[in-house]
Amino acid sequence: MIAKLSVLIGVVLSVHEFGGIKTPHQFLELGIAAGFLMGTYMMAKDNVHGYFWLMLGNVSCASLMGMEGYFILMIQQLVSLIFVTDAFLVRRRKCTIGKTVSGTGIL
């Protein structure tokens, strides 16, 4: 609860400090921050939806790097996205196997 509230407060203060979201770059930066913070928080809580937040952060960062002309960094983010997607698929497969074997679906 404290982590989610901290993210919300940080976003509100940042938007207030800069007078709103005025450029696409700022929107992408919010996606990066929210994706990383919520993704790691949810992963620590063993919530599979954390992967989607991490994917949001990777896609946002790759887009921002591409817009800024840092194509090598953009490619690195896209490679990271592949790893996060693979981790999600492995986790989903384990959950499916857990449901089949034990009937509970709990890992």
Protein backbone atom coordinates (compact mmCIF):
# COMPACT_ATOMS: atom_id res chain seq x y z
CA MET A 1 0.00 0.00 0.00
CA ILE A 2 2.80 2.42 0.90
CA ALA A 3 4.66 1.66 -2.35
CA LYS A 4 1.57 2.32 -4.49
CA LEU A 5 0.86 5.52 -2.60
CA SER A 6 4.47 6.64 -3.02
CA VAL A 7 4.27 6.10 -6.79
CA LEU A 8 1.06 8.10 -6.97
CA ILE A 9 2.46 10.95 -4.86
CA GLY A 10 5.66 11.01 -6.92
CA VAL A 11 3.75 11.21 -10.19
CA VAL A 12 1.44 13.95 -8.91
CA LEU A 13 4.34 16.02 -7.56
CA SER A 14 6.30 15.58 -10.79
CA VAL A 15 3.34 16.67 -12.92
CA HIS A 16 2.76 19.64 -10.62
CA GLU A 17 6.45 20.63 -10.64
CA PHE A 18 6.65 20.66 -14.44
CA GLY A 19 3.23 22.26 -14.96
CA GLY A 20 1.58 19.21 -16.46
CA ILE A 21 2.47 16.73 -19.15
CA LYS A 22 3.33 18.86 -22.16
CA THR A 23 5.38 16.59 -24.39
CA PRO A 24 5.29 12.93 -25.47
CA HIS A 25 8.69 12.54 -23.81
CA GLN A 26 7.19 13.27 -20.39
CA PHE A 27 4.42 10.74 -20.97
CA LEU A 28 7.02 8.10 -21.86
CA GLU A 29 9.10 8.98 -18.80
CA LEU A 30 6.04 8.41 -16.62
CA GLY A 31 5.58 5.04 -18.33
CA ILE A 32 9.18 4.13 -17.57
CA ALA A 33 8.94 5.10 -13.90
CA ALA A 34 5.53 3.54 -13.32
CA GLY A 35 6.49 0.38 -15.21
CA PHE A 36 9.66 -0.14 -13.21
CA LEU A 37 8.23 0.75 -9.80
CA MET A 38 4.93 -1.11 -10.10
CA GLY A 39 6.56 -4.03 -11.91
CA THR A 40 9.20 -4.64 -9.26
CA TYR A 41 6.66 -4.09 -6.48
CA MET A 42 4.23 -6.61 -7.95
CA MET A 43 7.01 -9.10 -8.69
CA ALA A 44 8.13 -8.87 -5.06
CA LYS A 45 4.54 -9.67 -4.06
CA ASP A 46 4.65 -12.71 -6.42
CA ASN A 47 2.01 -11.17 -8.69
CA VAL A 48 2.29 -12.26 -12.31
CA HIS A 49 0.87 -8.91 -13.51
CA GLY A 50 4.19 -7.32 -12.59
CA TYR A 51 5.56 -8.59 -15.88
CA PHE A 52 3.11 -6.40 -17.79
CA TRP A 53 4.26 -3.34 -15.86
CA LEU A 54 7.88 -4.20 -16.63
CA MET A 55 6.94 -4.59 -20.30
CA LEU A 56 5.34 -1.13 -20.19
CA GLY A 57 8.60 0.26 -18.82
CA ASN A 58 10.66 -1.46 -21.53
CA VAL A 59 8.40 -0.32 -24.37
CA SER A 60 8.26 3.24 -23.01
CA CYS A 61 12.03 3.39 -22.64
CA ALA A 62 12.64 1.89 -26.09
CA SER A 63 10.26 4.45 -27.61
CA LEU A 64 11.95 7.32 -25.80
CA MET A 65 15.42 6.15 -26.82
CA GLY A 66 14.27 5.88 -30.44
CA MET A 67 12.77 9.38 -30.36
CA GLU A 68 16.03 10.74 -28.97
CA GLY A 69 18.09 8.97 -31.63
CA TYR A 70 19.82 6.50 -29.29
CA PHE A 71 19.18 3.44 -31.41
CA ILE A 72 21.63 1.12 -29.65
CA LEU A 73 19.90 1.84 -26.33
CA MET A 74 16.54 1.30 -28.01
CA ILE A 75 17.69 -2.13 -29.21
CA GLN A 76 18.91 -2.97 -25.70
CA GLN A 77 15.47 -2.18 -24.31
CA LEU A 78 13.81 -4.34 -26.95
CA VAL A 79 16.15 -7.22 -26.06
CA SER A 80 15.21 -6.71 -22.40
CA LEU A 81 11.57 -6.87 -23.45
CA ILE A 82 12.23 -10.29 -24.98
CA PHE A 83 13.66 -11.53 -21.66
CA VAL A 84 10.72 -10.16 -19.68
CA THR A 85 8.25 -11.74 -22.12
CA ASP A 86 10.08 -15.06 -21.86
CA ALA A 87 10.00 -14.89 -18.05
CA PHE A 88 6.26 -14.20 -18.17
CA LEU A 89 5.65 -17.17 -20.48
CA VAL A 90 7.70 -19.48 -18.25
CA ARG A 91 5.82 -18.27 -15.18
CA ARG A 92 2.45 -18.75 -16.91
CA ARG A 93 3.47 -22.25 -17.97
CA LYS A 94 4.43 -23.10 -14.37
CA CYS A 95 1.05 -21.82 -13.15
CA THR A 96 -0.74 -23.98 -15.73
CA ILE A 97 1.27 -27.04 -14.73
CA GLY A 98 0.58 -26.28 -11.05
CA LYS A 99 -3.17 -26.23 -11.71
CA THR A 100 -3.01 -29.49 -13.64
CA VAL A 101 -0.90 -31.36 -11.09
CA SER A 102 -2.14 -30.14 -7.74
CA GLY A 103 -5.54 -28.76 -8.64
CA THR A 104 -4.88 -25.58 -6.67
CA GLY A 105 -2.82 -23.50 -9.06
CA ILE A 106 -0.64 -22.29 -6.21
CA LEU A 107 3.08 -22.42 -6.88
